[in-house]
């Protein structure tokens, strides 16, 4: 028996032609995948700004070891129970000069109202590394805590003495071996100074000649002489002694603010309010959840901050009902307030206290200044 009939010819079925639309679709998919791969790998020149952690100044925060500690701690004075929240807001930057976000990440951020896309040179100075920016931000945080404590204690009627303290000394500084970190500069050429501006003016007045400084170190007054070097700040030529200073104060009450790995100066106003709440009877916020942001100086003036739109979203996500915003940031606030969050515009610490008093007393909050009016 034969398995095949040799007289029969088998003709293969004609090969089906792939429709042109399918071919085009396959090529389009391949091109899209290649484009997606390119967008994922190609470097960008932008960073993403997004809401960061929210901290209740009346609560606790993790220290460097991860242990929960009071965010604000007061010694040397009576303190009182608090309730509710006085939240400070932060913003995070996704990306740095060495590792920028991908184009895909930027695309997602574009459609997220809580995020902002920024040119990298708006966040990092030319040649600045992520580590250098972190160090600069940490110094700003130290400054803001000092100013906030001074503003709160002055508001409560305490006497506070300002001073200029040496924070760090540059490697090539002419003050190397002469000044030390934590030195207090009391006078320049015999003229008392109590802030950085006065110190700079005194140094520049010499025109580059040696500067005689009166320095307090470990409670003792010393005479020191430093010859300034010529430098440039904000495009202007100036004379420098090569030290980084901060404005410090002699406080009658010991206030410790513990907030690990957070930098910048935008928490100043909320620090002040937290300190005042702890040092006064009753609940400053009426037990409500209030968030806010703004720099502050020892005179109680509230200044503008960055990333306020991201902080508005951070406050809403944290459950805040009320938000204190610097008046000088109002142009960025209008039209960007998340639903359910009521924003008040403040210029001074007294303005912020008035808002909290109105909330606490169940007053007419609609009569308070807002960014819409």
Protein backbone atom coordinates (compact mmCIF):
# COMPACT_ATOMS: atom_id res chain seq x y z
CA UNK A 1 0.00 0.00 0.00
CA UNK A 2 1.37 3.40 -0.98
CA UNK A 3 1.12 6.30 1.35
CA UNK A 4 1.22 8.81 -1.50
CA UNK A 5 -0.28 8.62 -4.97
CA UNK A 6 2.54 9.52 -7.40
CA UNK A 7 0.02 10.58 -10.00
CA UNK A 8 -1.42 13.32 -7.83
CA UNK A 9 0.28 16.73 -7.76
CA UNK A 10 -0.25 18.82 -4.62
CA UNK A 11 -0.24 22.55 -5.20
CA UNK A 12 0.60 24.69 -2.08
CA UNK A 13 -2.03 27.21 -1.06
CA UNK A 14 -1.15 30.72 -2.11
CA UNK A 15 0.64 32.75 0.66
CA UNK A 16 -1.67 35.27 2.24
CA UNK A 17 -0.49 38.81 1.88
CA UNK A 18 -0.24 40.83 5.14
CA UNK A 19 -2.61 43.78 4.92
CA UNK A 20 -0.86 47.11 4.55
CA UNK A 21 -2.65 48.49 7.61
CA UNK A 22 -1.15 45.72 9.78
CA UNK A 23 2.35 46.42 8.42
CA UNK A 24 1.98 50.11 9.15
CA UNK A 25 0.74 49.29 12.64
CA UNK A 26 3.72 47.06 13.37
CA UNK A 27 6.17 49.73 12.20
CA UNK A 28 4.35 52.40 14.20
CA UNK A 29 4.56 50.25 17.32
CA UNK A 30 8.27 49.64 16.76
CA UNK A 31 8.95 53.35 16.27
CA UNK A 32 6.92 54.16 19.40
CA UNK A 33 8.88 51.64 21.47
CA UNK A 34 12.17 53.04 20.20
CA UNK A 35 11.00 56.58 20.96
CA UNK A 36 9.94 55.52 24.45
CA UNK A 37 13.33 53.91 25.02
CA UNK A 38 15.06 57.08 23.81
CA UNK A 39 12.90 59.27 26.06
CA UNK A 40 13.77 57.04 29.00
CA UNK A 41 17.52 57.14 28.39
CA UNK A 42 18.17 60.59 26.93
CA UNK A 43 19.36 63.17 29.52
CA UNK A 44 17.21 66.20 30.32
CA UNK A 45 17.94 69.66 31.70
CA UNK A 46 15.00 69.82 34.10
CA UNK A 47 14.07 68.75 37.61
CA UNK A 48 10.66 68.03 39.17
CA UNK A 49 9.39 69.90 42.21
CA UNK A 50 6.81 67.99 44.24
CA UNK A 51 5.19 68.07 47.71
CA UNK A 52 7.45 66.83 50.47
CA UNK A 53 6.82 65.58 54.01
CA UNK A 54 4.54 67.55 56.34
CA UNK A 55 5.55 68.08 59.98
CA UNK A 56 3.39 69.20 62.88
CA UNK A 57 5.42 71.70 64.90
CA UNK A 58 3.37 70.66 67.95
CA UNK A 59 4.28 67.00 67.47
CA UNK A 60 7.33 64.84 66.96
CA UNK A 61 9.81 64.11 64.19
CA UNK A 62 12.44 61.44 63.61
CA UNK A 63 15.98 62.32 64.62
CA UNK A 64 19.16 61.15 62.85
CA UNK A 65 18.84 57.73 64.53
CA UNK A 66 15.20 57.37 63.52
CA UNK A 67 13.86 57.92 67.04
CA UNK A 68 10.78 60.12 67.48
CA UNK A 69 11.62 63.30 69.43
CA UNK A 70 9.65 66.51 70.10
CA UNK A 71 9.99 68.77 67.08
CA UNK A 72 10.10 71.78 69.42
CA UNK A 73 11.42 71.41 72.96
CA UNK A 74 11.50 74.21 75.55
CA UNK A 75 13.53 74.35 78.76
CA UNK A 76 13.67 77.13 81.35
CA UNK A 77 10.02 78.17 81.10
CA UNK A 78 6.55 76.83 81.78
CA UNK A 79 4.93 75.06 78.82
CA UNK A 80 1.27 74.23 78.20
CA UNK A 81 -0.66 71.43 76.46
CA UNK A 82 -1.40 71.87 72.76
CA UNK A 83 -3.83 70.24 70.35
CA UNK A 84 -4.55 70.03 66.66
CA UNK A 85 -1.76 70.85 64.23
CA UNK A 86 0.41 73.74 63.14
CA UNK A 87 1.90 72.06 60.10
CA UNK A 88 5.01 73.18 58.27
CA UNK A 89 5.25 72.15 54.64
CA UNK A 90 8.20 71.05 52.57
CA UNK A 91 8.89 70.49 48.88
CA UNK A 92 11.20 67.94 47.30
CA UNK A 93 13.32 68.11 44.16
CA UNK A 94 13.43 65.02 41.99
CA UNK A 95 16.71 65.16 40.10
CA UNK A 96 20.10 66.84 40.31
CA UNK A 97 22.88 67.76 37.85
CA UNK A 98 24.23 64.21 37.95
CA UNK A 99 20.88 62.44 37.67
CA UNK A 100 18.03 64.26 35.95
CA UNK A 101 14.48 62.89 35.56
CA UNK A 102 13.64 61.08 32.33
CA UNK A 103 11.41 62.59 29.67
CA UNK A 104 8.75 60.06 30.64
CA UNK A 105 8.81 61.30 34.25
CA UNK A 106 8.58 64.88 33.00
CA UNK A 107 5.56 63.97 30.89
CA UNK A 108 3.72 62.51 33.89
CA UNK A 109 4.67 65.55 36.02
CA UNK A 110 3.30 67.89 33.35
CA UNK A 111 -0.22 66.57 33.92
CA UNK A 112 0.03 66.54 37.75
CA UNK A 113 -1.10 69.88 39.29
CA UNK A 114 0.86 69.13 42.46
CA UNK A 115 4.16 69.04 40.58
CA UNK A 116 6.23 71.59 38.68
CA UNK A 117 8.92 71.19 36.04
CA UNK A 118 11.84 73.58 36.52
CA UNK A 119 15.01 74.24 34.52
CA UNK A 120 17.84 72.73 36.50
CA UNK A 121 19.74 76.05 36.62
CA UNK A 122 16.86 77.57 38.59
CA UNK A 123 17.48 75.10 41.39
CA UNK A 124 21.23 74.43 41.26
CA UNK A 125 23.77 77.22 40.83
CA UNK A 126 26.31 76.74 38.06
CA UNK A 127 28.72 74.00 39.09
CA UNK A 128 26.84 73.32 42.33
CA UNK A 129 26.53 69.70 43.39
CA UNK A 130 23.59 68.14 45.21
CA UNK A 131 25.76 67.87 48.34
CA UNK A 132 26.70 71.57 48.21
CA UNK A 133 23.06 72.54 47.79
CA UNK A 134 22.14 70.39 50.79
CA UNK A 135 24.79 72.09 52.91
CA UNK A 136 23.57 75.52 51.87
CA UNK A 137 20.01 74.52 52.65
CA UNK A 138 21.03 73.21 56.06
CA UNK A 139 22.60 76.55 56.95
CA UNK A 140 19.42 78.34 55.89
CA UNK A 141 17.46 76.05 58.21
CA UNK A 142 19.73 76.93 61.15
CA UNK A 143 19.29 80.65 60.39
CA UNK A 144 15.52 80.31 60.14
CA UNK A 145 15.25 78.50 63.47
CA UNK A 146 17.20 81.25 65.21
CA UNK A 147 15.11 84.03 63.63
CA UNK A 148 11.87 82.17 64.36
CA UNK A 149 12.77 81.67 68.02
CA UNK A 150 13.70 85.35 68.34
CA UNK A 151 10.43 86.45 66.71
CA UNK A 152 8.38 84.24 69.05
CA UNK A 153 10.15 85.31 72.24
CA UNK A 154 10.05 89.01 71.31
CA UNK A 155 6.32 88.64 70.59
CA UNK A 156 5.94 87.23 74.10
CA UNK A 157 7.79 90.20 75.62
CA UNK A 158 11.23 88.67 76.22
CA UNK A 159 14.49 90.55 75.74
CA UNK A 160 16.57 88.99 72.96
CA UNK A 161 20.14 90.05 72.13
CA UNK A 162 21.22 89.62 68.48
CA UNK A 163 24.78 88.73 67.48
CA UNK A 164 26.87 87.56 64.51
CA UNK A 165 28.30 84.06 64.90
CA UNK A 166 30.89 82.39 62.66
CA UNK A 167 29.31 79.29 61.11
CA UNK A 168 32.16 78.04 58.88
CA UNK A 169 35.56 79.14 57.53
CA UNK A 170 36.56 78.58 53.90
CA UNK A 171 39.63 76.50 53.06
CA UNK A 172 41.36 79.45 51.34
CA UNK A 173 40.02 82.00 53.81
CA UNK A 174 42.37 84.72 55.10
CA UNK A 175 40.72 84.09 58.48
CA UNK A 176 42.17 80.55 58.69
CA UNK A 177 44.02 80.20 61.99
CA UNK A 178 42.58 83.51 63.23
CA UNK A 179 38.84 82.94 63.58
CA UNK A 180 37.07 79.74 64.61
CA UNK A 181 33.57 78.35 64.11
CA UNK A 182 31.23 79.58 66.89
CA UNK A 183 33.23 82.79 67.39
CA UNK A 184 30.94 85.77 67.98
CA UNK A 185 32.03 88.91 66.09
CA UNK A 186 31.13 91.80 68.36
CA UNK A 187 32.72 94.74 66.54
CA UNK A 188 34.53 95.79 63.35
CA UNK A 189 37.21 98.48 63.82
CA UNK A 190 35.58 99.36 67.13
CA UNK A 191 32.03 99.68 65.73
CA UNK A 192 29.57 97.19 67.27
CA UNK A 193 27.81 94.84 64.83
CA UNK A 194 24.81 92.60 65.45
CA UNK A 195 23.92 91.40 61.96
CA UNK A 196 25.65 90.23 58.80
CA UNK A 197 24.88 93.41 56.83
CA UNK A 198 26.64 95.56 59.43
CA UNK A 199 29.61 93.19 59.37
CA UNK A 200 29.89 93.39 55.57
CA UNK A 201 29.67 97.17 55.58
CA UNK A 202 32.40 97.39 58.21
CA UNK A 203 34.71 95.10 56.22
CA UNK A 204 34.10 96.95 52.94
CA UNK A 205 34.69 100.32 54.58
CA UNK A 206 38.40 99.44 54.93
CA UNK A 207 38.83 99.16 51.15
CA UNK A 208 40.92 96.01 51.52
CA UNK A 209 43.08 97.15 54.44
CA UNK A 210 43.41 94.85 57.48
CA UNK A 211 40.24 94.71 59.57
CA UNK A 212 40.36 94.78 63.36
CA UNK A 213 37.71 92.49 64.82
CA UNK A 214 36.52 92.16 68.40
CA UNK A 215 35.67 88.50 68.90
CA UNK A 216 34.02 86.67 71.76
CA UNK A 217 35.26 83.11 72.20
CA UNK A 218 34.23 80.89 75.11
CA UNK A 219 33.02 83.93 77.00
CA UNK A 220 36.28 85.89 76.55
CA UNK A 221 36.79 88.97 74.34
CA UNK A 222 39.74 88.75 71.92
CA UNK A 223 41.26 91.09 69.35
CA UNK A 224 41.82 89.67 65.87
CA UNK A 225 43.02 91.15 62.60
CA UNK A 226 42.15 89.79 59.16
CA UNK A 227 43.22 91.13 55.77
CA UNK A 228 40.22 90.83 53.39
CA UNK A 229 40.45 89.47 49.87
CA UNK A 230 38.58 90.78 46.87
CA UNK A 231 35.60 88.73 45.75
CA UNK A 232 32.25 88.91 44.03
CA UNK A 233 28.74 88.53 45.42
CA UNK A 234 25.68 88.76 43.16
CA UNK A 235 27.81 90.28 40.42
CA UNK A 236 29.24 93.02 42.64
CA UNK A 237 32.88 93.31 43.70
CA UNK A 238 33.33 93.29 47.45
CA UNK A 239 35.88 92.60 50.19
CA UNK A 240 35.61 89.30 52.05
CA UNK A 241 37.22 87.68 55.08
CA UNK A 242 36.21 84.21 53.90
CA UNK A 243 33.81 83.17 56.64
CA UNK A 244 30.17 82.12 56.60
CA UNK A 245 28.19 83.74 59.39
CA UNK A 246 24.72 83.41 60.80
CA UNK A 247 22.67 85.77 62.89
CA UNK A 248 22.44 84.30 66.34
CA UNK A 249 20.74 85.45 69.52
CA UNK A 250 21.17 85.25 73.26
CA UNK A 251 17.85 83.75 74.36
CA UNK A 252 16.47 83.89 77.93
CA UNK A 253 14.73 80.54 77.26
CA UNK A 254 16.31 77.42 75.80
CA UNK A 255 14.38 76.43 72.66
CA UNK A 256 15.51 73.39 70.68
CA UNK A 257 14.09 72.64 67.23
CA UNK A 258 14.80 69.11 66.01
CA UNK A 259 14.00 68.48 62.36
CA UNK A 260 16.40 66.09 60.69
CA UNK A 261 17.24 66.18 56.95
CA UNK A 262 15.06 69.21 56.20
CA UNK A 263 16.62 72.43 54.93
CA UNK A 264 15.66 75.89 53.80
CA UNK A 265 14.08 78.84 55.58
CA UNK A 266 10.41 78.53 54.64
CA UNK A 267 9.36 76.92 57.96
CA UNK A 268 10.25 80.01 60.00
CA UNK A 269 6.73 81.37 60.59
CA UNK A 270 5.37 77.97 61.63
CA UNK A 271 8.27 77.46 64.05
CA UNK A 272 7.38 80.80 65.68
CA UNK A 273 3.72 79.86 66.00
CA UNK A 274 4.61 76.46 67.48
CA UNK A 275 6.87 78.06 70.10
CA UNK A 276 4.22 80.62 71.05
CA UNK A 277 1.58 77.89 71.37
CA UNK A 278 3.78 75.88 73.73
CA UNK A 279 4.60 78.90 75.90
CA UNK A 280 1.02 80.23 76.28
CA UNK A 281 -2.06 78.74 77.96
CA UNK A 282 -4.82 77.38 75.75
CA UNK A 283 -4.71 76.14 72.20
CA UNK A 284 -3.43 78.78 69.77
CA UNK A 285 -5.20 77.13 66.84
CA UNK A 286 -8.36 76.17 68.72
CA UNK A 287 -7.44 72.52 68.25
CA UNK A 288 -7.86 72.86 64.48
CA UNK A 289 -5.54 71.62 61.74
CA UNK A 290 -3.72 74.64 60.35
CA UNK A 291 -0.84 74.59 57.88
CA UNK A 292 1.36 77.38 56.65
CA UNK A 293 4.62 78.51 55.18
CA UNK A 294 6.79 81.62 55.10
CA UNK A 295 10.17 82.88 56.19
CA UNK A 296 10.31 85.09 59.24
CA UNK A 297 12.85 87.47 60.74
CA UNK A 298 13.30 88.45 64.35
CA UNK A 299 11.05 91.49 63.83
CA UNK A 300 8.20 89.17 62.84
CA UNK A 301 8.11 90.02 59.14
CA UNK A 302 6.88 87.12 57.01
CA UNK A 303 8.67 86.70 53.68
CA UNK A 304 8.09 84.80 50.42
CA UNK A 305 9.04 81.19 49.82
CA UNK A 306 9.39 78.83 46.89
CA UNK A 307 7.19 75.93 45.77
CA UNK A 308 4.04 77.31 47.38
CA UNK A 309 1.76 75.45 44.96
CA UNK A 310 3.34 72.14 45.94
CA UNK A 311 2.96 73.09 49.61
CA UNK A 312 -0.73 73.86 49.13
CA UNK A 313 -1.25 70.33 47.86
CA UNK A 314 0.89 68.94 50.68
CA UNK A 315 -1.28 70.73 53.24
CA UNK A 316 -4.48 69.42 51.70
CA UNK A 317 -3.14 65.86 51.57
CA UNK A 318 -2.17 66.14 55.26
CA UNK A 319 -5.74 67.04 56.22
CA UNK A 320 -5.36 70.76 56.88
CA UNK A 321 -8.44 72.96 56.62
CA UNK A 322 -6.68 76.33 56.88
CA UNK A 323 -3.49 77.63 55.26
CA UNK A 324 -1.35 80.67 56.11
CA UNK A 325 0.44 82.02 53.01
CA UNK A 326 2.86 84.95 52.70
CA UNK A 327 1.12 87.91 51.09
CA UNK A 328 4.10 88.22 48.75
CA UNK A 329 3.30 84.76 47.32
CA UNK A 330 -0.32 85.53 46.55
CA UNK A 331 0.21 85.82 42.79
CA UNK A 332 1.25 82.15 42.78
CA UNK A 333 -1.62 81.08 45.01
CA UNK A 334 -4.59 82.50 43.11
CA UNK A 335 -6.19 79.83 40.95
CA UNK A 336 -4.16 77.00 42.48
CA UNK A 337 -5.85 76.35 45.82
CA UNK A 338 -6.98 72.72 46.26
CA UNK A 339 -10.68 72.28 46.96
CA UNK A 340 -11.57 72.42 50.66
CA UNK A 341 -8.51 74.43 51.74
CA UNK A 342 -9.04 78.04 52.89
CA UNK A 343 -6.01 80.31 52.41
CA UNK A 344 -5.25 83.50 54.34
CA UNK A 345 -2.63 86.09 53.36
CA UNK A 346 -0.24 87.24 56.10
CA UNK A 347 2.58 89.79 56.17
CA UNK A 348 3.62 89.58 59.80
CA UNK A 349 3.58 87.24 62.78
CA UNK A 350 0.79 89.40 64.23
CA UNK A 351 -1.28 88.76 61.07
CA UNK A 352 -0.84 85.02 61.53
CA UNK A 353 -1.81 85.26 65.21
CA UNK A 354 -4.94 87.21 64.25
CA UNK A 355 -5.97 84.45 61.83
CA UNK A 356 -5.47 81.81 64.52
CA UNK A 357 -7.41 83.86 67.06
CA UNK A 358 -10.33 84.20 64.62
CA UNK A 359 -10.32 80.44 63.97
CA UNK A 360 -10.03 79.71 67.70
CA UNK A 361 -12.87 82.07 68.63
CA UNK A 362 -15.07 80.85 65.75
CA UNK A 363 -15.01 84.38 64.35
CA UNK A 364 -15.68 85.74 60.89
CA UNK A 365 -12.88 84.15 58.86
CA UNK A 366 -14.39 85.57 55.67
CA UNK A 367 -13.38 89.04 56.85
CA UNK A 368 -9.68 88.09 56.97
CA UNK A 369 -7.31 89.00 54.11
CA UNK A 370 -6.99 86.31 51.45
CA UNK A 371 -5.08 85.98 48.22
CA UNK A 372 -8.28 86.45 46.23
CA UNK A 373 -8.81 89.94 47.60
